[in-house]
Protein backbone atom coordinates (compact mmCIF):
# COMPACT_ATOMS: atom_id res chain seq x y z
CA UNK A 1 -35.25 86.49 -77.41
CA UNK A 2 -33.09 83.76 -77.25
CA UNK A 3 -30.67 85.24 -74.70
CA UNK A 4 -33.82 85.81 -72.22
CA UNK A 5 -34.89 81.63 -72.96
CA UNK A 6 -31.09 81.34 -71.48
CA UNK A 7 -31.55 83.31 -68.65
CA UNK A 8 -34.38 81.58 -68.02
CA UNK A 9 -32.95 78.56 -68.30
CA UNK A 10 -30.22 79.48 -66.41
CA UNK A 11 -32.65 80.52 -63.28
CA UNK A 12 -34.66 77.13 -63.14
CA UNK A 13 -31.01 75.63 -63.07
CA UNK A 14 -29.61 77.48 -60.41
CA UNK A 15 -33.40 77.39 -58.43
CA UNK A 16 -33.11 73.48 -58.88
CA UNK A 17 -29.63 73.51 -57.78
CA UNK A 18 -30.04 75.50 -55.18
CA UNK A 19 -32.95 73.37 -53.88
CA UNK A 20 -30.75 70.30 -54.14
CA UNK A 21 -28.12 71.93 -52.53
CA UNK A 22 -30.63 73.21 -49.30
CA UNK A 23 -32.02 69.44 -49.47
CA UNK A 24 -28.45 67.62 -48.77
CA UNK A 25 -28.34 70.23 -46.44
CA UNK A 26 -31.20 69.69 -44.21
CA UNK A 27 -30.31 65.96 -44.97
CA UNK A 28 -27.59 66.50 -43.57
CA UNK A 29 -28.15 68.48 -40.33
CA UNK A 30 -31.18 65.63 -39.70
CA UNK A 31 -28.39 62.62 -39.86
CA UNK A 32 -26.10 64.30 -37.81
CA UNK A 33 -28.48 64.88 -35.38
CA UNK A 34 -29.83 61.39 -35.62
CA UNK A 35 -26.33 59.61 -35.33
CA UNK A 36 -24.32 62.32 -33.11
CA UNK A 37 -24.09 60.52 -29.24
CA UNK A 38 -23.88 63.06 -27.13
CA UNK A 39 -22.01 62.19 -23.35
CA UNK A 40 -24.07 61.47 -20.19
CA UNK A 41 -24.71 64.15 -17.71
CA UNK A 42 -21.83 63.87 -14.93
CA UNK A 43 -23.45 65.56 -11.89
CA UNK A 44 -19.67 66.07 -9.77
CA UNK A 45 -16.73 66.45 -12.62
CA UNK A 46 -14.24 66.68 -10.00
CA UNK A 47 -12.39 64.06 -11.20
CA UNK A 48 -11.12 65.51 -14.25
CA UNK A 49 -8.71 67.79 -12.04
CA UNK A 50 -6.97 64.81 -11.03
CA UNK A 51 -3.19 64.49 -12.04
CA UNK A 52 -1.27 61.47 -13.04
CA UNK A 53 2.35 60.84 -11.22
CA UNK A 54 4.84 59.61 -13.52
CA UNK A 55 7.51 56.90 -11.99
CA UNK A 56 8.84 55.52 -15.48
CA UNK A 57 7.52 55.39 -18.91
CA UNK A 58 5.68 51.91 -17.80
CA UNK A 59 4.40 53.26 -13.65
CA UNK A 60 2.03 55.73 -13.05
CA UNK A 61 -0.32 56.79 -10.54
CA UNK A 62 -3.26 58.66 -9.47
CA UNK A 63 -3.87 58.65 -5.68
CA UNK A 64 -4.03 54.31 -5.00
CA UNK A 65 -4.90 53.76 -8.14
CA UNK A 66 -2.21 52.66 -10.47
CA UNK A 67 -0.63 51.36 -13.33
CA UNK A 68 2.24 49.69 -14.20
CA UNK A 69 4.11 46.96 -16.66
CA UNK A 70 4.97 43.76 -14.82
CA UNK A 71 8.28 41.75 -15.52
CA UNK A 72 6.29 39.32 -17.07
CA UNK A 73 5.65 41.68 -20.02
CA UNK A 74 1.87 42.32 -18.81
CA UNK A 75 0.01 45.77 -18.28
CA UNK A 76 -1.40 45.47 -14.49
CA UNK A 77 -4.21 48.36 -13.42
CA UNK A 78 -5.76 49.27 -10.44
CA UNK A 79 -9.07 51.43 -10.28
CA UNK A 80 -11.26 52.69 -7.56
CA UNK A 81 -14.32 54.93 -7.40
CA UNK A 82 -17.77 55.69 -9.27
CA UNK A 83 -17.76 55.38 -12.81
CA UNK A 84 -16.94 58.60 -13.68
CA UNK A 85 -13.90 58.53 -11.37
CA UNK A 86 -12.74 55.22 -12.72
CA UNK A 87 -13.11 56.30 -16.39
CA UNK A 88 -10.96 59.20 -15.84
CA UNK A 89 -8.22 57.90 -14.14
CA UNK A 90 -8.77 54.71 -16.18
CA UNK A 91 -7.81 57.48 -19.59
CA UNK A 92 -5.01 59.70 -17.70
CA UNK A 93 -3.67 56.74 -16.56
CA UNK A 94 -3.63 54.71 -19.69
CA UNK A 95 -3.62 57.66 -22.12
CA UNK A 96 -0.41 55.96 -24.10
CA UNK A 97 -2.08 52.72 -24.24
CA UNK A 98 -5.50 53.88 -25.03
CA UNK A 99 -3.88 55.65 -28.32
CA UNK A 100 -1.76 52.45 -29.26
CA UNK A 101 -4.40 50.48 -29.48
CA UNK A 102 -6.85 52.58 -31.34
CA UNK A 103 -3.98 52.95 -34.04
CA UNK A 104 -3.64 49.78 -34.17
CA UNK A 105 -7.34 48.88 -34.62
CA UNK A 106 -7.74 51.77 -37.54
CA UNK A 107 -4.23 50.99 -39.32
CA UNK A 108 -6.13 47.45 -38.94
CA UNK A 109 -9.42 48.73 -40.80
CA UNK A 110 -7.18 50.84 -43.58
CA UNK A 111 -4.92 47.58 -44.56
CA UNK A 112 -8.09 45.31 -45.11
CA UNK A 113 -10.37 48.31 -46.50
CA UNK A 114 -7.68 50.23 -48.30
CA UNK A 115 -10.13 52.53 -50.11
CA UNK A 116 -10.36 56.25 -48.48
CA UNK A 117 -14.45 56.26 -49.81
CA UNK A 118 -15.11 52.53 -48.71
CA UNK A 119 -13.86 53.77 -45.41
CA UNK A 120 -16.07 57.03 -45.21
CA UNK A 121 -18.84 54.96 -46.30
CA UNK A 122 -18.41 52.68 -43.56
CA UNK A 123 -18.02 55.51 -41.36
CA UNK A 124 -20.99 56.68 -41.61
CA UNK A 125 -23.24 53.69 -42.06
CA UNK A 126 -21.43 52.43 -38.05
CA UNK A 127 -22.78 55.84 -36.92
CA UNK A 128 -26.09 55.32 -38.52
CA UNK A 129 -26.42 51.93 -37.03
CA UNK A 130 -24.84 52.69 -33.84
CA UNK A 131 -27.30 55.81 -33.54
CA UNK A 132 -28.91 54.25 -30.47
CA UNK A 133 -26.30 52.35 -28.86
CA UNK A 134 -26.35 54.52 -25.63
CA UNK A 135 -29.78 53.99 -24.72
CA UNK A 136 -28.87 50.11 -24.52
CA UNK A 137 -25.30 50.92 -22.34
CA UNK A 138 -26.14 51.56 -18.52
CA UNK A 139 -25.32 55.35 -17.53
CA UNK A 140 -23.13 53.45 -15.27
CA UNK A 141 -20.98 52.75 -18.49
CA UNK A 142 -21.47 55.44 -20.14
CA UNK A 143 -20.27 57.56 -17.49
CA UNK A 144 -16.97 55.54 -17.25
CA UNK A 145 -16.39 55.62 -20.97
CA UNK A 146 -17.12 59.55 -21.44
CA UNK A 147 -14.25 59.68 -18.27
CA UNK A 148 -11.70 57.36 -20.24
CA UNK A 149 -13.13 59.50 -23.68
CA UNK A 150 -11.67 63.21 -22.30
CA UNK A 151 -8.14 61.69 -22.20
CA UNK A 152 -7.87 60.45 -25.97
CA UNK A 153 -6.05 61.28 -28.62
CA UNK A 154 -7.59 63.78 -31.05
CA UNK A 155 -5.13 62.06 -33.83
CA UNK A 156 -8.58 59.92 -35.07
CA UNK A 157 -11.50 62.64 -34.21
CA UNK A 158 -12.16 62.29 -38.22
CA UNK A 159 -13.59 58.81 -37.13
CA UNK A 160 -16.00 60.33 -34.65
CA UNK A 161 -16.12 62.38 -31.51
CA UNK A 162 -13.65 60.88 -28.41
CA UNK A 163 -16.59 59.58 -26.60
CA UNK A 164 -18.90 58.69 -29.78
CA UNK A 165 -15.33 56.38 -30.66
CA UNK A 166 -15.07 55.04 -27.51
CA UNK A 167 -18.39 54.16 -27.28
CA UNK A 168 -18.64 52.66 -30.73
CA UNK A 169 -15.34 50.06 -29.97
CA UNK A 170 -17.01 48.37 -27.77
CA UNK A 171 -19.41 47.30 -30.33
CA UNK A 172 -16.78 46.38 -32.91
CA UNK A 173 -16.59 42.72 -32.29
CA UNK A 174 -20.72 42.63 -32.54
CA UNK A 175 -20.93 44.89 -35.30
CA UNK A 176 -18.71 42.98 -37.37
CA UNK A 177 -19.91 39.78 -36.48
CA UNK A 178 -23.50 40.40 -37.14
CA UNK A 179 -23.25 42.22 -40.74
CA UNK A 180 -20.71 39.20 -42.06
CA UNK A 181 -20.55 36.52 -39.37
CA UNK A 182 -17.18 37.06 -39.69
CA UNK A 183 -14.92 34.57 -37.59
CA UNK A 184 -12.91 37.38 -36.45
CA UNK A 185 -13.89 35.64 -32.68
CA UNK A 186 -13.56 32.12 -33.10
CA UNK A 187 -12.88 30.79 -29.33
CA UNK A 188 -13.09 27.53 -26.67
CA UNK A 189 -13.58 27.72 -23.14
CA UNK A 190 -14.56 24.59 -21.00
CA UNK A 191 -15.01 23.63 -17.69
CA UNK A 192 -14.24 20.78 -15.31
CA UNK A 193 -15.17 19.59 -11.44
CA UNK A 194 -15.12 16.87 -9.01
CA UNK A 195 -13.95 13.45 -10.83
CA UNK A 196 -12.86 15.29 -13.72
CA UNK A 197 -10.96 17.83 -11.89
CA UNK A 198 -7.38 17.08 -10.21
CA UNK A 199 -8.47 18.31 -6.76
CA UNK A 200 -12.73 17.88 -7.19
CA UNK A 201 -11.96 22.54 -7.59
CA UNK A 202 -13.93 23.86 -10.54
CA UNK A 203 -11.23 24.35 -13.30
CA UNK A 204 -12.16 26.97 -16.18
CA UNK A 205 -9.82 27.48 -18.89
CA UNK A 206 -10.19 29.68 -22.16
CA UNK A 207 -8.40 30.80 -24.95
CA UNK A 208 -9.61 34.31 -26.58
CA UNK A 209 -8.87 33.75 -30.25
CA UNK A 210 -10.01 37.15 -31.58
CA UNK A 211 -7.38 38.14 -34.15
CA UNK A 212 -6.70 41.70 -35.39
CA UNK A 213 -3.22 41.97 -35.64
CA UNK A 214 -0.46 41.46 -33.31
CA UNK A 215 -0.24 44.78 -32.46
CA UNK A 216 -3.42 44.74 -31.58
CA UNK A 217 -2.39 41.94 -28.74
CA UNK A 218 0.88 43.69 -28.08
CA UNK A 219 -0.27 45.38 -24.50
CA UNK A 220 -3.00 43.37 -22.86
CA UNK A 221 -3.91 44.66 -19.19
CA UNK A 222 -5.41 43.16 -16.36
CA UNK A 223 -7.61 44.74 -14.56
CA UNK A 224 -8.43 45.03 -11.18
CA UNK A 225 -11.32 46.88 -10.05
CA UNK A 226 -12.97 47.90 -6.70
CA UNK A 227 -15.96 49.80 -7.76
CA UNK A 228 -18.26 52.21 -5.63
CA UNK A 229 -21.43 49.72 -6.13
CA UNK A 230 -21.23 46.01 -6.74
CA UNK A 231 -18.12 43.42 -6.57
CA UNK A 232 -14.71 43.83 -7.25
CA UNK A 233 -13.81 42.32 -10.25
CA UNK A 234 -10.82 41.40 -12.59
CA UNK A 235 -10.80 40.97 -16.14
CA UNK A 236 -8.64 40.77 -19.42
CA UNK A 237 -8.58 44.06 -21.55
CA UNK A 238 -6.78 46.37 -23.40
CA UNK A 239 -6.66 50.37 -23.59
CA UNK A 240 -10.18 51.96 -23.38
CA UNK A 241 -12.23 48.70 -22.73
CA UNK A 242 -14.35 48.45 -20.07
CA UNK A 243 -16.36 46.05 -20.99
CA UNK A 244 -15.59 42.41 -19.90
CA UNK A 245 -14.52 39.17 -22.69
CA UNK A 246 -12.93 37.22 -19.70
CA UNK A 247 -13.15 37.88 -15.97
CA UNK A 248 -13.77 36.96 -12.68
CA UNK A 249 -15.11 38.73 -9.16
CA UNK A 250 -14.65 38.76 -5.90
CA UNK A 251 -17.39 35.83 -5.19
CA UNK A 252 -15.30 33.16 -7.90
CA UNK A 253 -18.02 34.03 -10.40
CA UNK A 254 -16.36 34.20 -14.29
CA UNK A 255 -17.63 34.97 -17.62
CA UNK A 256 -15.87 34.28 -20.85
CA UNK A 257 -17.63 35.39 -23.95
CA UNK A 258 -17.83 32.63 -27.45
CA UNK A 259 -19.66 33.93 -29.96
CA UNK A 260 -22.25 32.03 -31.84
CA UNK A 261 -23.97 32.05 -35.56
CA UNK A 262 -26.59 35.44 -35.75
CA UNK A 263 -29.40 36.43 -37.78
CA UNK A 264 -28.51 40.49 -39.30
CA UNK A 265 -30.17 43.01 -36.93
CA UNK A 266 -31.29 46.16 -37.90
CA UNK A 267 -29.43 48.39 -35.42
CA UNK A 268 -27.19 48.16 -32.47
CA UNK A 269 -28.17 47.15 -28.70
CA UNK A 270 -26.17 46.47 -25.51
CA UNK A 271 -22.69 45.26 -26.66
CA UNK A 272 -22.24 41.54 -25.21
CA UNK A 273 -18.81 42.46 -23.34
CA UNK A 274 -21.11 45.23 -21.69
CA UNK A 275 -23.37 42.09 -20.67
CA UNK A 276 -20.67 40.41 -19.50
CA UNK A 277 -19.28 43.15 -17.46
CA UNK A 278 -22.36 43.83 -15.53
CA UNK A 279 -22.37 39.98 -14.54
CA UNK A 280 -19.42 40.19 -13.27
CA UNK A 281 -20.27 43.65 -10.99
CA UNK A 282 -23.54 42.22 -10.20
CA UNK A 283 -24.07 38.97 -9.76
CA UNK A 284 -22.83 36.30 -7.43
CA UNK A 285 -23.97 32.92 -8.66
CA UNK A 286 -25.57 31.65 -11.48
CA UNK A 287 -29.22 32.46 -11.56
CA UNK A 288 -27.81 36.16 -10.56
CA UNK A 289 -26.21 36.25 -13.94
CA UNK A 290 -29.13 34.49 -16.24
CA UNK A 291 -31.41 37.14 -14.61
CA UNK A 292 -28.62 40.11 -15.80
CA UNK A 293 -27.99 38.28 -19.03
CA UNK A 294 -31.88 38.30 -20.17
CA UNK A 295 -32.77 41.65 -19.22
CA UNK A 296 -30.78 43.22 -21.80
CA UNK A 297 -31.59 43.10 -25.69
CA UNK A 298 -27.92 42.25 -27.90
CA UNK A 299 -27.71 42.64 -31.63
CA UNK A 300 -25.26 38.86 -31.96
CA UNK A 301 -25.57 35.70 -30.37
CA UNK A 302 -23.67 34.85 -27.82
CA UNK A 303 -22.74 32.10 -25.30
CA UNK A 304 -21.64 33.28 -21.85
CA UNK A 305 -19.47 30.80 -20.11
CA UNK A 306 -20.31 31.12 -16.32
CA UNK A 307 -18.68 29.81 -13.61
CA UNK A 308 -19.34 29.79 -9.75
CA UNK A 309 -18.01 28.85 -6.39
CA UNK A 310 -20.94 29.95 -4.96
CA UNK A 311 -23.10 27.10 -6.70
CA UNK A 312 -19.95 25.18 -7.13
CA UNK A 313 -20.85 24.28 -10.85
CA UNK A 314 -20.69 25.58 -14.79
CA UNK A 315 -23.25 26.89 -16.90
CA UNK A 316 -23.77 28.47 -20.40
CA UNK A 317 -25.94 31.23 -21.12
CA UNK A 318 -27.21 31.26 -24.56
CA UNK A 319 -28.41 34.08 -26.29
CA UNK A 320 -29.67 35.13 -29.39
CA UNK A 321 -31.23 37.98 -30.28
CA UNK A 322 -34.94 37.00 -28.85
CA UNK A 323 -34.07 34.18 -26.51
CA UNK A 324 -32.07 33.66 -23.55
CA UNK A 325 -31.71 30.33 -21.86
CA UNK A 326 -29.56 28.70 -19.19
CA UNK A 327 -27.91 25.48 -20.45
CA UNK A 328 -26.24 22.61 -18.16
CA UNK A 329 -24.61 19.11 -18.52
CA UNK A 330 -25.79 16.74 -17.26
CA UNK A 331 -21.84 15.18 -16.38
CA UNK A 332 -18.89 17.49 -14.40
CA UNK A 333 -17.48 19.36 -17.73
CA UNK A 334 -18.80 21.54 -19.46
CA UNK A 335 -17.14 22.75 -23.33
CA UNK A 336 -18.31 25.99 -25.23
CA UNK A 337 -17.16 26.89 -28.41
CA UNK A 338 -19.27 28.65 -31.17
CA UNK A 339 -22.57 26.89 -31.19
CA UNK A 340 -25.84 26.98 -29.08
CA UNK A 341 -26.02 23.12 -27.50
CA UNK A 342 -29.52 23.83 -25.93
CA UNK A 343 -32.47 21.96 -27.47
CA UNK A 344 -34.49 25.63 -28.07
CA UNK A 345 -31.42 26.62 -30.85
CA UNK A 346 -30.12 23.07 -31.54
CA UNK A 347 -32.39 22.46 -34.42
CA UNK A 348 -32.55 26.09 -35.92
CA UNK A 349 -31.03 26.56 -39.45
CA UNK A 350 -28.56 28.90 -38.35
CA UNK A 351 -27.08 26.36 -35.85
CA UNK A 352 -27.61 23.49 -38.05
CA UNK A 353 -25.45 25.04 -40.72
CA UNK A 354 -23.12 26.32 -38.20
CA UNK A 355 -22.62 22.75 -37.19
CA UNK A 356 -22.39 21.40 -40.87
CA UNK A 357 -20.01 23.83 -41.96
CA UNK A 358 -17.71 25.84 -39.39
CA UNK A 359 -14.84 24.94 -36.86
CA UNK A 360 -16.92 25.22 -34.13
CA UNK A 361 -17.89 21.38 -33.59
CA UNK A 362 -14.43 19.79 -34.27
CA UNK A 363 -12.72 22.19 -31.71
CA UNK A 364 -15.67 20.56 -29.42
CA UNK A 365 -14.62 17.08 -30.13
CA UNK A 366 -10.87 17.77 -29.77
CA UNK A 367 -11.33 18.88 -26.46
CA UNK A 368 -13.72 16.51 -25.27
CA UNK A 369 -10.99 14.16 -26.21
CA UNK A 370 -8.31 15.61 -24.68
CA UNK A 371 -10.57 15.93 -20.90
CA UNK A 372 -11.70 12.62 -21.21
CA UNK A 373 -7.81 11.13 -22.03
CA UNK A 374 -5.84 13.96 -19.69
CA UNK A 375 -8.53 12.76 -16.80
CA UNK A 376 -8.48 14.81 -13.27
CA UNK A 377 -7.25 18.06 -15.16
CA UNK A 378 -5.81 20.62 -13.05
CA UNK A 379 -5.03 24.19 -14.12
CA UNK A 380 -1.08 22.83 -15.85
CA UNK A 381 -2.88 20.23 -17.68
CA UNK A 382 -5.75 23.03 -18.20
CA UNK A 383 -2.62 25.14 -19.97
CA UNK A 384 -2.24 22.17 -21.90
CA UNK A 385 -5.37 22.08 -23.33
CA UNK A 386 -5.40 25.47 -24.60
CA UNK A 387 -1.98 24.93 -26.45
CA UNK A 388 -2.97 21.65 -27.66
CA UNK A 389 -2.27 22.16 -32.03
CA UNK A 390 -3.12 19.31 -33.12
CA UNK A 391 -6.91 17.80 -34.57
CA UNK A 392 -8.68 14.79 -33.48
CA UNK A 393 -6.66 11.44 -32.88
CA UNK A 394 -3.71 13.31 -32.33
CA UNK A 395 -3.17 14.33 -35.74
CA UNK A 396 -1.09 17.03 -37.30
CA UNK A 397 -3.79 18.80 -38.95
CA UNK A 398 -1.52 21.82 -39.74
CA UNK A 399 -0.41 25.14 -37.87
CA UNK A 400 -2.99 27.71 -37.65
CA UNK A 401 -5.87 25.19 -38.64
CA UNK A 402 -8.95 26.90 -37.20
CA UNK A 403 -9.89 24.10 -36.44
CA UNK A 404 -7.45 23.22 -33.51
CA UNK A 405 -7.94 24.47 -30.25
CA UNK A 406 -4.52 26.74 -30.41
CA UNK A 407 -4.36 28.79 -33.85
CA UNK A 408 -1.81 30.61 -32.94
CA UNK A 409 -3.43 33.58 -32.87
CA UNK A 410 -4.71 34.11 -29.23
CA UNK A 411 -5.42 37.79 -27.82
CA UNK A 412 -4.92 36.24 -23.88
CA UNK A 413 -5.55 33.12 -22.79
CA UNK A 414 -6.61 32.44 -19.00
CA UNK A 415 -7.60 29.50 -16.28
CA UNK A 416 -9.46 29.81 -13.33
CA UNK A 417 -9.65 28.04 -10.14
CA UNK A 418 -13.14 30.03 -8.61
CA UNK A 419 -13.70 28.35 -5.41
CA UNK A 420 -9.77 29.51 -4.59
CA UNK A 421 -10.27 33.11 -6.68
CA UNK A 422 -6.81 32.21 -8.80
CA UNK A 423 -6.89 33.06 -11.86
CA UNK A 424 -3.52 32.10 -14.44
CA UNK A 425 -3.27 35.09 -17.33
CA UNK A 426 -1.26 34.05 -20.76
CA UNK A 427 2.00 36.12 -21.27
CA UNK A 428 3.17 36.55 -25.52
CA UNK A 429 3.43 35.03 -27.53
CA UNK A 430 -0.18 34.09 -27.95
CA UNK A 431 -0.97 31.09 -24.91
CA UNK A 432 2.85 30.00 -25.97
CA UNK A 433 4.90 32.14 -22.86
CA UNK A 434 3.94 31.44 -19.34
CA UNK A 435 0.76 31.89 -17.32
CA UNK A 436 1.47 34.14 -14.35
CA UNK A 437 -0.60 33.70 -11.27
CA UNK A 438 -2.75 36.35 -10.04
CA UNK A 439 -4.63 35.54 -6.36
CA UNK A 440 -7.75 37.69 -6.18
CA UNK A 441 -8.39 37.74 -2.41
CA UNK A 442 -4.87 39.28 -2.35
CA UNK A 443 -5.23 41.58 -4.52
CA UNK A 444 -8.56 43.25 -3.26
CA UNK A 445 -8.17 42.45 0.64
CA UNK A 446 -9.56 45.55 2.29
CA UNK A 447 -6.33 45.27 4.69
CA UNK A 448 -3.52 45.40 1.97
CA UNK A 449 -4.69 47.65 -1.13
CA UNK A 450 -2.10 47.37 -3.46
CA UNK A 451 0.34 49.97 -4.68
CA UNK A 452 2.54 50.64 -7.97
CA UNK A 453 5.44 48.44 -6.42
CA UNK A 454 3.92 45.57 -4.52
CA UNK A 455 3.74 42.26 -6.20
CA UNK A 456 0.34 40.41 -6.69
CA UNK A 457 1.67 37.41 -8.51
CA UNK A 458 2.57 34.12 -7.03
CA UNK A 459 5.79 32.70 -8.67
CA UNK A 460 5.43 29.10 -7.34
CA UNK A 461 1.86 28.85 -8.91
CA UNK A 462 3.17 30.12 -12.50
CA UNK A 463 3.19 27.58 -15.14
CA UNK A 464 6.23 27.71 -17.71
CA UNK A 465 6.16 28.13 -21.05
CA UNK A 466 5.10 26.01 -23.59
CA UNK A 467 8.54 23.89 -24.62
CA UNK A 468 6.93 24.39 -28.25
CA UNK A 469 8.57 27.85 -28.61
CA UNK A 470 12.24 26.32 -28.29
CA UNK A 471 11.54 24.20 -31.45
CA UNK A 472 12.91 24.40 -34.99
CA UNK A 473 8.89 24.16 -35.89
CA UNK A 474 8.11 27.44 -34.12
CA UNK A 475 10.73 29.31 -36.36
CA UNK A 476 9.36 27.21 -39.32
CA UNK A 477 5.60 28.81 -37.82
CA UNK A 478 7.41 32.65 -37.95
CA UNK A 479 8.69 31.42 -41.58
CA UNK A 480 5.45 30.41 -42.35
CA UNK A 481 3.36 33.77 -40.99
CA UNK A 482 6.24 36.27 -42.30
CA UNK A 483 5.39 34.37 -46.10
CA UNK A 484 1.42 34.83 -45.98
CA UNK A 485 1.39 38.69 -44.32
CA UNK A 486 4.34 39.44 -47.89
CA UNK A 487 1.92 37.62 -50.50
CA UNK A 488 -1.39 39.44 -49.43
CA UNK A 489 -3.25 39.69 -52.18
CA UNK A 490 -2.00 36.32 -54.30
CA UNK A 491 0.90 39.16 -55.14
CA UNK A 492 3.99 37.07 -55.76
CA UNK A 493 6.57 40.06 -57.21
CA UNK A 494 10.24 38.57 -56.43
CA UNK A 495 9.24 35.19 -54.81
CA UNK A 496 11.27 32.41 -56.20
CA UNK A 497 10.40 28.92 -56.31
CA UNK A 498 13.34 28.26 -53.72
CA UNK A 499 11.23 30.40 -51.21
CA UNK A 500 8.12 28.26 -51.72
CA UNK A 501 9.49 25.01 -51.31
CA UNK A 502 10.64 26.62 -47.78
CA UNK A 503 7.08 27.98 -47.27
CA UNK A 504 5.92 24.70 -48.50
CA UNK A 505 8.19 22.75 -45.93
CA UNK A 506 7.41 25.58 -42.91
CA UNK A 507 3.69 24.17 -42.50
CA UNK A 508 3.54 20.92 -44.59
CA UNK A 509 0.04 19.82 -43.38
CA UNK A 510 -1.74 22.86 -43.55
CA UNK A 511 -3.97 22.89 -46.31
CA UNK A 512 -3.42 26.64 -47.00
CA UNK A 513 -0.06 26.03 -47.65
CA UNK A 514 -1.11 24.32 -51.02
CA UNK A 515 -3.49 26.26 -51.88
CA UNK A 516 -0.76 29.43 -51.67
CA UNK A 517 1.65 27.60 -53.38
CA UNK A 518 -1.43 27.20 -56.12
CA UNK A 519 -1.85 30.88 -55.86
CA UNK A 520 1.87 31.13 -56.68
CA UNK A 521 1.38 29.19 -59.95
CA UNK A 522 -1.70 30.81 -61.24
CA UNK A 523 0.04 34.25 -60.51
CA UNK A 524 3.40 33.10 -62.69
CA UNK A 525 1.01 31.03 -65.35
CA UNK A 526 1.52 27.43 -64.72
CA UNK A 527 -1.67 26.24 -64.26
CA UNK A 528 -0.74 22.53 -64.68
CA UNK A 529 1.07 23.43 -61.29
CA UNK A 530 -1.55 25.31 -59.72
CA UNK A 531 -3.97 22.60 -60.12
CA UNK A 532 -1.80 19.90 -58.63
CA UNK A 533 -1.30 22.02 -55.47
CA UNK A 534 -4.80 22.87 -55.34
CA UNK A 535 -5.22 19.22 -55.36
CA UNK A 536 -2.92 18.83 -52.67
CA UNK A 537 -4.98 20.72 -50.65
CA UNK A 538 -7.76 19.57 -50.83
CA UNK A 539 -6.68 16.12 -49.32
CA UNK A 540 -6.04 17.91 -46.52
CA UNK A 541 -8.36 18.91 -42.95
CA UNK A 542 -10.14 21.98 -44.09
CA UNK A 543 -11.17 24.47 -41.69
CA UNK A 544 -14.74 24.68 -43.03
CA UNK A 545 -17.03 24.32 -45.91
CA UNK A 546 -16.24 27.82 -47.72
CA UNK A 547 -12.53 27.19 -47.44
CA UNK A 548 -13.37 24.03 -49.67
CA UNK A 549 -15.54 25.80 -51.81
CA UNK A 550 -12.98 28.12 -52.45
CA UNK A 551 -9.97 26.18 -53.53
CA UNK A 552 -12.45 24.27 -55.82
CA UNK A 553 -13.54 27.43 -57.37
CA UNK A 554 -9.77 28.25 -58.25
CA UNK A 555 -9.28 24.36 -59.03
CA UNK A 556 -12.06 25.40 -61.78
CA UNK A 557 -10.98 28.28 -62.98
CA UNK A 558 -7.49 27.05 -63.42
CA UNK A 559 -8.85 23.83 -65.90
CA UNK A 560 -10.70 26.05 -67.44
CA UNK A 561 -14.54 24.76 -66.00
């Protein structure tokens, strides 16, 4: 009898387990069917058979399209054709750069999230969040991304299919911004014209302060595109990225992106870099740019600084999840950092909180101060503004302070003169290296299609390296940065007090230097000294309310409050 009951129990248990396994399997199949994003249909795939010619490890060609590394250290790429052809040639020409970029990005994620369980959770969450992403990306760009994906390495297939990975990377900035309002991007842009310009023409400057590790910024690509449809354009980008964050087209229309505070969305829509790319390829003036921007649904708030040779003016497209407005200044210069300025947004709770608690307003005021002090800003003075490392009233507030215009983290810095179709791009490190000048008229001239050997920069318009690079203070910055990197998670094993003193001397005006010193003494169970340094930190110019609250919390912890 007992044996029969046991058998019935085992059968019921087995039945329940079978049902649960079947249910999990069905749910998994449903999940996969929903989140798997399939490549677009391509009518003609002949481009797949194209082969790359290699002239060295930094010079390649497919027909009239090419990729090469300039003596300045910048990669330059020239692409022609329809969307799929451009993508295939992009992928084949820059396969090594795409792999390098993807590895740098994945390594950063693993460093930020060392727990494998959380990485897997994030993978499935992002797949779900981006389940409809392809529906909001124009088919033209889906085909271009698909063409690139055919040359992508299999090393990271565990993250997703090659096409889905490259598509999702275009939304990486938006996802981080949307889910946590992360300050991965705290950029600064400005433009001047007429009496504020050195020669009355438009001058636009921008720092793209997106920091995803030093490796991520090592292989910048200046990409020139002559598409079958739309206008010729140039963007500053990286391997596998076709979206635009900084660029100019043949009509002297420029676009730069600056993030703003966002509400949290329920799913992904069009990445802002794709909106900017569409503007560059299909707009010739500010009104056309605005018409394009307002027709896209994005999932983060963003500002688009638009410069236009046609209009001899500059405006800002401010875009939230449900509203798009065009903002213009009543004076002949304009600044955008990371907050909204139009009355449609200026009094919203998010914008007020951003202005009160973050770095955006401070940087805005510093740019305003410099424009009015320097007067008649030409391209060299624009570089001077973009390289500025000081706070308001020229006070030293510490290197890498997020309130500075130059935070020593920029992926790239760029200057435009739209009416002359000139574009200056910074070289390593950050915006401290020389700015090389490209003449888009020369690059896109019908009578002189550039090849792999043709120089396309103008030496006479080059902006020299920042003299800061030659100073002891720059070496101090390197020491400071190395110390911070070596003591991640506030682990100070084998760090002596003498090394700590050298660290403090390396960046003595920065609040975080003293916060870090306080952490050192907290780690070594010396609350008296930790309190001393936390109090020093609170006397400095702290970047945000959140950072101040973090220090106060540490201070209270060591006082027992």
